[in-house]
N, C-alpha and C. Protein backbone atom coordinates (compact mmCIF):
# COMPACT_ATOMS: atom_id res chain seq x y z
N MET A 1 84.76 71.60 128.41
CA MET A 1 85.70 72.64 128.92
C MET A 1 85.54 73.83 127.68
N THR A 2 85.28 74.94 128.19
CA THR A 2 85.26 76.19 127.29
C THR A 2 86.39 77.04 127.50
N THR A 3 87.08 77.35 126.30
CA THR A 3 88.10 78.24 126.39
C THR A 3 87.63 79.58 125.97
N THR A 4 88.04 80.66 126.64
CA THR A 4 87.68 82.10 126.33
C THR A 4 88.90 82.76 125.56
N ALA A 5 88.42 83.42 124.47
CA ALA A 5 89.39 83.94 123.61
C ALA A 5 89.98 85.14 124.47
N PRO A 6 91.18 85.57 124.43
CA PRO A 6 91.68 86.81 125.26
C PRO A 6 91.12 87.97 124.48
N LEU A 7 90.94 89.11 125.25
CA LEU A 7 90.38 90.27 124.69
C LEU A 7 91.49 91.06 124.11
N ALA A 8 91.15 91.71 123.11
CA ALA A 8 92.32 92.55 122.50
C ALA A 8 92.48 93.59 123.37
N ASP A 9 93.69 94.05 123.61
CA ASP A 9 94.22 95.17 124.43
C ASP A 9 95.60 95.63 123.85
N ALA A 10 96.14 96.66 124.50
CA ALA A 10 97.40 97.02 124.12
C ALA A 10 98.49 96.01 124.24
N ARG A 11 98.52 95.30 125.18
CA ARG A 11 99.48 94.24 125.31
C ARG A 11 99.47 93.21 124.16
N ALA A 12 98.26 92.81 123.91
CA ALA A 12 98.02 91.80 122.79
C ALA A 12 98.36 92.44 121.43
N LEU A 13 98.04 93.56 121.35
CA LEU A 13 98.54 94.35 120.05
C LEU A 13 100.12 94.37 120.03
N GLY A 14 100.69 94.81 121.04
CA GLY A 14 102.13 94.91 121.08
C GLY A 14 102.77 93.70 120.93
N LEU A 15 102.27 92.65 121.37
CA LEU A 15 102.97 91.19 121.41
C LEU A 15 102.82 90.82 119.83
N ALA A 16 101.65 91.04 119.24
CA ALA A 16 101.47 90.53 117.88
C ALA A 16 102.48 91.45 116.80
N HIS A 17 102.53 92.83 117.09
CA HIS A 17 103.39 93.58 116.30
C HIS A 17 104.78 93.27 116.51
N TYR A 18 105.43 93.05 117.74
CA TYR A 18 106.61 92.64 117.82
C TYR A 18 106.96 91.15 117.36
N ALA A 19 105.97 90.39 117.44
CA ALA A 19 106.36 88.98 116.88
C ALA A 19 106.48 89.17 115.37
N ALA A 20 105.63 89.75 114.66
CA ALA A 20 105.63 89.93 113.17
C ALA A 20 106.74 90.80 112.81
N ARG A 21 107.03 91.86 113.54
CA ARG A 21 108.24 92.45 113.10
C ARG A 21 109.61 91.88 113.41
N GLY A 22 109.67 91.02 114.35
CA GLY A 22 110.69 90.06 114.60
C GLY A 22 110.93 89.30 113.36
N VAL A 23 109.83 88.63 112.78
CA VAL A 23 110.09 87.81 111.62
C VAL A 23 110.65 88.67 110.53
N LEU A 24 110.08 89.85 110.18
CA LEU A 24 110.47 90.65 109.08
C LEU A 24 111.80 91.20 109.34
N GLU A 25 112.25 91.47 110.74
CA GLU A 25 113.68 91.92 110.73
C GLU A 25 114.54 90.91 110.50
N HIS A 26 114.22 89.66 110.78
CA HIS A 26 115.19 88.53 110.51
C HIS A 26 115.44 88.60 109.02
N VAL A 27 114.41 88.66 108.32
CA VAL A 27 114.44 88.45 106.85
C VAL A 27 115.39 89.62 106.34
N LEU A 28 114.97 90.76 106.84
CA LEU A 28 115.60 92.00 106.40
C LEU A 28 117.01 92.07 106.59
N ALA A 29 117.55 91.55 107.74
CA ALA A 29 118.98 91.54 108.18
C ALA A 29 119.80 90.59 107.08
N ARG A 30 119.03 89.65 106.59
CA ARG A 30 119.86 88.73 105.59
C ARG A 30 120.01 89.56 104.32
N HIS A 31 119.20 90.55 104.11
CA HIS A 31 119.38 91.57 103.00
C HIS A 31 120.11 92.85 103.33
N GLY A 32 120.57 92.85 104.44
CA GLY A 32 121.63 94.09 104.93
C GLY A 32 120.66 95.29 105.16
N ILE A 33 119.45 95.33 105.39
CA ILE A 33 118.75 96.35 105.55
C ILE A 33 117.92 96.43 106.90
N THR A 34 117.78 97.53 107.57
CA THR A 34 116.96 97.63 108.90
C THR A 34 115.41 97.83 108.52
N PHE A 35 114.78 97.59 109.72
CA PHE A 35 113.26 97.80 109.47
C PHE A 35 112.92 99.14 109.05
N GLN A 36 113.53 100.15 109.63
CA GLN A 36 113.25 101.63 109.42
C GLN A 36 113.81 101.93 107.94
N GLN A 37 114.94 101.37 107.41
CA GLN A 37 115.33 101.56 106.15
C GLN A 37 114.48 100.97 105.16
N GLN A 38 113.76 99.90 105.40
CA GLN A 38 112.88 99.06 104.53
C GLN A 38 111.51 99.97 104.58
N ILE A 39 111.07 100.59 105.49
CA ILE A 39 109.90 101.33 105.49
C ILE A 39 110.20 102.69 104.56
N ALA A 40 111.32 103.27 104.78
CA ALA A 40 111.55 104.42 104.12
C ALA A 40 111.81 104.05 102.73
N LEU A 41 112.42 103.05 102.34
CA LEU A 41 112.63 102.63 100.94
C LEU A 41 111.24 102.20 100.14
N ARG A 42 110.44 101.50 100.94
CA ARG A 42 109.12 101.18 100.33
C ARG A 42 108.29 102.45 100.16
N THR A 43 108.34 103.43 101.07
CA THR A 43 107.66 104.66 100.93
C THR A 43 108.13 105.31 99.73
N ALA A 44 109.32 105.48 99.38
CA ALA A 44 109.84 105.99 98.20
C ALA A 44 109.42 105.29 96.94
N ILE A 45 109.44 103.92 97.05
CA ILE A 45 108.98 103.16 95.86
C ILE A 45 107.45 103.26 95.53
N THR A 46 106.74 103.40 96.55
CA THR A 46 105.37 103.32 96.24
C THR A 46 104.63 104.74 96.22
N ALA A 47 105.58 105.67 96.14
CA ALA A 47 104.93 107.14 96.08
C ALA A 47 104.45 107.35 94.65
N ASP A 48 103.46 108.19 94.48
CA ASP A 48 102.86 108.37 93.24
C ASP A 48 103.75 109.38 92.29
N ALA A 49 104.61 110.19 93.06
CA ALA A 49 105.43 111.14 92.26
C ALA A 49 106.68 111.19 93.10
N PRO A 50 107.75 111.69 92.38
CA PRO A 50 108.92 112.00 93.20
C PRO A 50 108.86 112.66 94.51
N GLN A 51 109.52 112.23 95.39
CA GLN A 51 109.47 112.73 96.78
C GLN A 51 110.71 113.54 97.17
N THR A 52 110.65 114.69 97.72
CA THR A 52 111.73 115.48 98.35
C THR A 52 112.15 114.61 99.64
N PRO A 53 113.19 114.86 100.21
CA PRO A 53 113.37 114.34 101.57
C PRO A 53 112.41 114.81 102.53
N ASP A 54 112.03 115.94 102.59
CA ASP A 54 111.06 116.42 103.54
C ASP A 54 109.72 115.72 103.44
N ASP A 55 109.33 115.46 102.16
CA ASP A 55 108.06 114.71 101.82
C ASP A 55 108.12 113.23 102.52
N LEU A 56 109.44 112.58 102.28
CA LEU A 56 109.60 111.31 102.80
C LEU A 56 109.61 111.23 104.31
N VAL A 57 110.18 112.33 104.93
CA VAL A 57 110.32 112.30 106.46
C VAL A 57 108.97 112.45 106.90
N ALA A 58 108.03 113.32 106.28
CA ALA A 58 106.71 113.52 106.85
C ALA A 58 105.93 112.22 106.87
N GLN A 59 106.01 111.43 105.66
CA GLN A 59 105.20 110.28 105.41
C GLN A 59 105.80 109.21 106.43
N ILE A 60 107.13 108.99 106.56
CA ILE A 60 107.65 107.98 107.24
C ILE A 60 107.41 108.19 108.84
N ARG A 61 107.37 109.41 109.05
CA ARG A 61 106.92 109.99 110.62
C ARG A 61 105.53 109.60 110.83
N GLY A 62 104.76 109.79 109.79
CA GLY A 62 103.22 109.32 110.05
C GLY A 62 103.10 107.94 110.37
N SER A 63 103.81 106.99 109.66
CA SER A 63 103.74 105.80 110.01
C SER A 63 104.50 105.27 111.10
N LEU A 64 105.75 105.63 111.30
CA LEU A 64 106.62 105.19 112.48
C LEU A 64 106.64 105.87 113.67
N LYS A 65 106.15 107.10 113.56
CA LYS A 65 106.30 108.08 114.65
C LYS A 65 107.71 108.25 115.29
N ALA A 66 108.66 108.15 114.30
CA ALA A 66 110.14 108.16 114.55
C ALA A 66 110.38 109.80 114.53
N ASP A 67 111.61 110.01 115.25
CA ASP A 67 112.27 111.28 115.34
C ASP A 67 112.65 111.77 113.79
N PRO A 68 112.30 112.90 113.30
CA PRO A 68 112.68 113.31 112.03
C PRO A 68 114.12 113.16 111.80
N ALA A 69 114.98 113.52 112.82
CA ALA A 69 116.46 113.51 112.56
C ALA A 69 116.89 111.89 112.36
N ASP A 70 116.14 110.96 113.00
CA ASP A 70 116.56 109.42 112.82
C ASP A 70 116.15 109.18 111.43
N ILE A 71 115.03 109.66 110.92
CA ILE A 71 114.41 109.29 109.52
C ILE A 71 115.46 109.86 108.48
N ARG A 72 115.90 111.11 108.77
CA ARG A 72 116.82 111.91 107.90
C ARG A 72 118.18 110.95 107.79
N ALA A 73 118.61 110.40 109.04
CA ALA A 73 119.83 109.60 109.07
C ALA A 73 119.53 108.11 108.27
N THR A 74 118.30 107.70 108.27
CA THR A 74 117.97 106.56 107.62
C THR A 74 117.91 106.84 106.11
N LEU A 75 117.45 107.89 105.78
CA LEU A 75 117.61 108.20 104.10
C LEU A 75 119.07 108.44 103.73
N ASP A 76 119.76 109.17 104.57
CA ASP A 76 121.30 109.02 104.28
C ASP A 76 121.93 107.73 104.17
N GLU A 77 121.47 106.79 104.98
CA GLU A 77 121.93 105.57 104.82
C GLU A 77 121.64 104.81 103.53
N LEU A 78 120.40 105.03 103.22
CA LEU A 78 119.78 104.41 102.12
C LEU A 78 120.57 105.11 100.73
N LEU A 79 120.92 106.29 100.81
CA LEU A 79 121.77 106.84 99.80
C LEU A 79 123.04 106.40 99.78
N ALA A 80 123.78 106.22 100.91
CA ALA A 80 124.99 105.45 100.93
C ALA A 80 125.09 104.19 100.50
N LYS A 81 124.15 103.28 100.61
CA LYS A 81 123.91 102.11 100.16
C LYS A 81 123.46 102.03 98.71
N GLN A 82 123.32 103.14 98.17
CA GLN A 82 122.85 103.30 96.80
C GLN A 82 121.59 102.56 96.48
N LEU A 83 120.61 102.63 97.54
CA LEU A 83 119.23 102.01 97.30
C LEU A 83 118.22 103.30 96.94
N LEU A 84 118.67 104.49 97.30
CA LEU A 84 117.99 105.66 96.87
C LEU A 84 119.18 106.54 96.25
N VAL A 85 118.76 107.40 95.32
CA VAL A 85 119.68 108.44 94.70
C VAL A 85 118.99 109.70 94.65
N SER A 86 119.66 110.72 94.73
CA SER A 86 119.17 112.18 94.73
C SER A 86 119.45 112.80 93.26
N ASP A 87 118.38 113.66 92.91
CA ASP A 87 118.56 114.26 91.65
C ASP A 87 118.85 115.74 92.16
N GLY A 88 119.10 116.07 93.45
CA GLY A 88 119.27 117.42 93.77
C GLY A 88 118.06 117.90 94.57
N THR A 89 116.80 117.66 94.16
CA THR A 89 115.64 118.00 94.84
C THR A 89 114.97 116.80 95.35
N HIS A 90 114.88 115.76 94.65
CA HIS A 90 113.96 114.65 94.82
C HIS A 90 114.86 113.30 95.24
N LEU A 91 114.32 112.47 95.84
CA LEU A 91 115.04 111.22 96.15
C LEU A 91 114.21 110.13 95.24
N HIS A 92 114.93 109.23 94.65
CA HIS A 92 114.35 108.20 93.92
C HIS A 92 115.04 106.73 94.16
N PRO A 93 114.27 105.70 94.28
CA PRO A 93 114.72 104.46 94.46
C PRO A 93 115.46 104.00 93.23
N THR A 94 116.50 103.41 93.53
CA THR A 94 117.47 102.63 92.44
C THR A 94 116.94 101.42 92.11
N ASP A 95 117.45 100.84 91.07
CA ASP A 95 116.93 99.43 90.63
C ASP A 95 117.27 98.54 91.72
N ALA A 96 118.64 98.62 92.49
CA ALA A 96 118.98 97.92 93.43
C ALA A 96 118.01 98.02 94.64
N GLY A 97 117.52 99.13 94.87
CA GLY A 97 116.55 99.36 95.93
C GLY A 97 115.15 98.64 95.62
N ARG A 98 114.82 98.74 94.37
CA ARG A 98 113.60 98.07 93.99
C ARG A 98 113.80 96.56 94.09
N GLU A 99 114.91 95.96 93.67
CA GLU A 99 115.27 94.49 93.58
C GLU A 99 115.34 94.02 95.11
N LEU A 100 116.08 94.86 95.96
CA LEU A 100 116.15 94.36 97.38
C LEU A 100 114.76 94.23 98.04
N THR A 101 113.79 95.27 97.75
CA THR A 101 112.62 95.21 98.40
C THR A 101 111.74 94.07 97.84
N ALA A 102 111.86 93.91 96.49
CA ALA A 102 111.20 92.79 95.90
C ALA A 102 111.67 91.46 96.40
N ALA A 103 112.99 91.29 96.67
CA ALA A 103 113.51 89.96 97.10
C ALA A 103 113.05 89.76 98.58
N ALA A 104 113.14 90.89 99.50
CA ALA A 104 112.69 90.70 100.87
C ALA A 104 111.13 90.44 100.89
N GLY A 105 110.25 90.91 99.98
CA GLY A 105 108.81 90.72 99.85
C GLY A 105 108.72 89.21 99.54
N ALA A 106 109.43 88.77 98.40
CA ALA A 106 109.19 87.44 98.02
C ALA A 106 109.65 86.38 99.07
N GLU A 107 110.60 86.71 99.83
CA GLU A 107 110.99 85.76 101.10
C GLU A 107 109.93 85.92 102.12
N THR A 108 109.47 87.00 102.45
CA THR A 108 108.40 87.03 103.56
C THR A 108 107.14 86.66 103.21
N ALA A 109 106.57 86.53 101.91
CA ALA A 109 105.32 86.23 101.43
C ALA A 109 104.84 85.03 101.89
N PRO A 110 105.72 83.81 101.88
CA PRO A 110 105.23 82.55 102.35
C PRO A 110 105.04 82.58 103.82
N ILE A 111 105.93 83.31 104.48
CA ILE A 111 105.86 83.22 106.01
C ILE A 111 104.65 84.07 106.35
N SER A 112 104.35 85.15 105.77
CA SER A 112 103.02 85.92 105.94
C SER A 112 101.99 85.02 105.70
N ALA A 113 101.89 84.26 104.65
CA ALA A 113 100.75 83.20 104.26
C ALA A 113 100.64 82.25 105.48
N ARG A 114 101.76 81.67 106.02
CA ARG A 114 101.52 80.76 107.15
C ARG A 114 100.94 81.41 108.45
N ILE A 115 101.34 82.78 108.56
CA ILE A 115 100.98 83.56 109.72
C ILE A 115 99.48 83.93 109.70
N TRP A 116 98.94 84.43 108.57
CA TRP A 116 97.69 84.94 108.30
C TRP A 116 96.56 83.79 107.81
N GLY A 117 97.35 82.75 107.26
CA GLY A 117 96.50 81.70 106.59
C GLY A 117 95.40 81.03 107.52
N GLY A 118 94.25 80.61 107.14
CA GLY A 118 93.24 79.94 107.95
C GLY A 118 92.43 80.94 108.81
N ILE A 119 92.82 82.25 108.94
CA ILE A 119 92.07 83.06 109.80
C ILE A 119 90.69 83.53 108.93
N PRO A 120 89.72 83.24 109.51
CA PRO A 120 88.39 83.36 108.82
C PRO A 120 88.31 84.95 108.36
N ALA A 121 87.73 85.05 107.20
CA ALA A 121 87.58 86.52 106.64
C ALA A 121 86.88 87.39 107.64
N GLU A 122 85.73 87.03 108.24
CA GLU A 122 85.09 87.87 109.14
C GLU A 122 85.82 88.20 110.21
N ASP A 123 86.93 87.34 110.79
CA ASP A 123 87.65 87.85 111.93
C ASP A 123 88.66 88.87 111.61
N LEU A 124 89.22 88.68 110.48
CA LEU A 124 90.24 89.61 109.76
C LEU A 124 89.51 90.89 109.66
N ALA A 125 88.16 90.97 109.20
CA ALA A 125 87.52 92.08 108.89
C ALA A 125 87.26 92.86 110.30
N ALA A 126 86.89 92.12 111.31
CA ALA A 126 86.66 92.75 112.67
C ALA A 126 87.97 93.27 113.13
N ALA A 127 88.94 92.36 113.08
CA ALA A 127 90.37 92.93 113.58
C ALA A 127 90.64 94.25 112.85
N GLY A 128 90.60 94.24 111.48
CA GLY A 128 90.80 95.37 110.71
C GLY A 128 90.04 96.67 111.16
N ARG A 129 88.66 96.46 111.52
CA ARG A 129 88.05 97.58 111.96
C ARG A 129 88.53 98.10 113.36
N VAL A 130 88.76 97.17 114.30
CA VAL A 130 89.35 97.54 115.62
C VAL A 130 90.74 98.21 115.42
N LEU A 131 91.46 97.54 114.68
CA LEU A 131 92.89 98.14 114.59
C LEU A 131 92.81 99.59 113.92
N ALA A 132 92.04 99.77 113.02
CA ALA A 132 91.76 101.17 112.42
C ALA A 132 91.27 102.13 113.46
N LEU A 133 90.33 101.84 114.14
CA LEU A 133 89.86 102.60 115.29
C LEU A 133 90.91 102.97 116.43
N VAL A 134 91.70 101.96 116.60
CA VAL A 134 92.77 102.21 117.82
C VAL A 134 93.86 103.16 116.98
N THR A 135 94.29 102.98 115.88
CA THR A 135 95.15 103.77 115.33
C THR A 135 94.63 105.17 115.34
N GLU A 136 93.54 105.48 114.79
CA GLU A 136 92.89 106.65 114.83
C GLU A 136 92.85 107.23 116.12
N ARG A 137 92.37 106.67 117.23
CA ARG A 137 92.37 107.19 118.59
C ARG A 137 93.85 107.54 119.09
N ALA A 138 94.78 106.59 118.72
CA ALA A 138 96.22 106.82 119.49
C ALA A 138 96.84 107.84 118.51
N ASN A 139 96.44 108.11 117.31
CA ASN A 139 97.16 109.26 116.53
C ASN A 139 96.46 110.55 117.09
N ALA A 140 95.18 110.53 117.43
CA ALA A 140 94.65 111.67 118.04
C ALA A 140 95.23 111.96 119.39
N GLU A 141 95.46 111.03 120.24
CA GLU A 141 95.92 111.26 121.56
C GLU A 141 97.46 111.82 121.25
N LEU A 142 98.23 111.15 120.52
CA LEU A 142 99.65 111.64 120.22
C LEU A 142 99.61 113.16 119.72
N ALA A 143 98.70 113.57 118.71
CA ALA A 143 98.60 114.91 118.42
C ALA A 143 98.35 115.81 119.56
N ALA A 144 97.37 115.41 120.47
CA ALA A 144 97.09 116.15 121.68
C ALA A 144 98.35 116.39 122.53
N LEU A 145 99.19 115.45 122.49
CA LEU A 145 100.28 115.44 123.35
C LEU A 145 101.55 116.20 122.85
N THR A 146 101.58 116.34 121.51
CA THR A 146 102.75 117.18 120.84
C THR A 146 102.37 118.54 120.45
């Protein structure tokens, strides 16, 4: 009996995304932070230079395709939680923000290892190429629509 692997398509991509995101959101909830807050905080932490709110909104929007007003509300939430701080022009992650991100990362690392572990490198490389192409094409289609 031969089993045929399912072909990758939008549904398979969506199912994988939401399954992985569900795991992450479960961990983040224990740390009192949402998925969008975590993306915004990580964006601020990994930036090469201090970011203005507009800089962060543009970067986060590029990743999440979220409404700028929603992203600004997320930045406000992070400021209220004292995970980000403003110096008047730029937003900076606080030590608490860095610690929370590190703690959530440490908690998700073994889960990620179980999810991704044992997948052959050549399969990961092929999936990476396909996902990069799908992302590029979907971004082009989105740009054409807006």
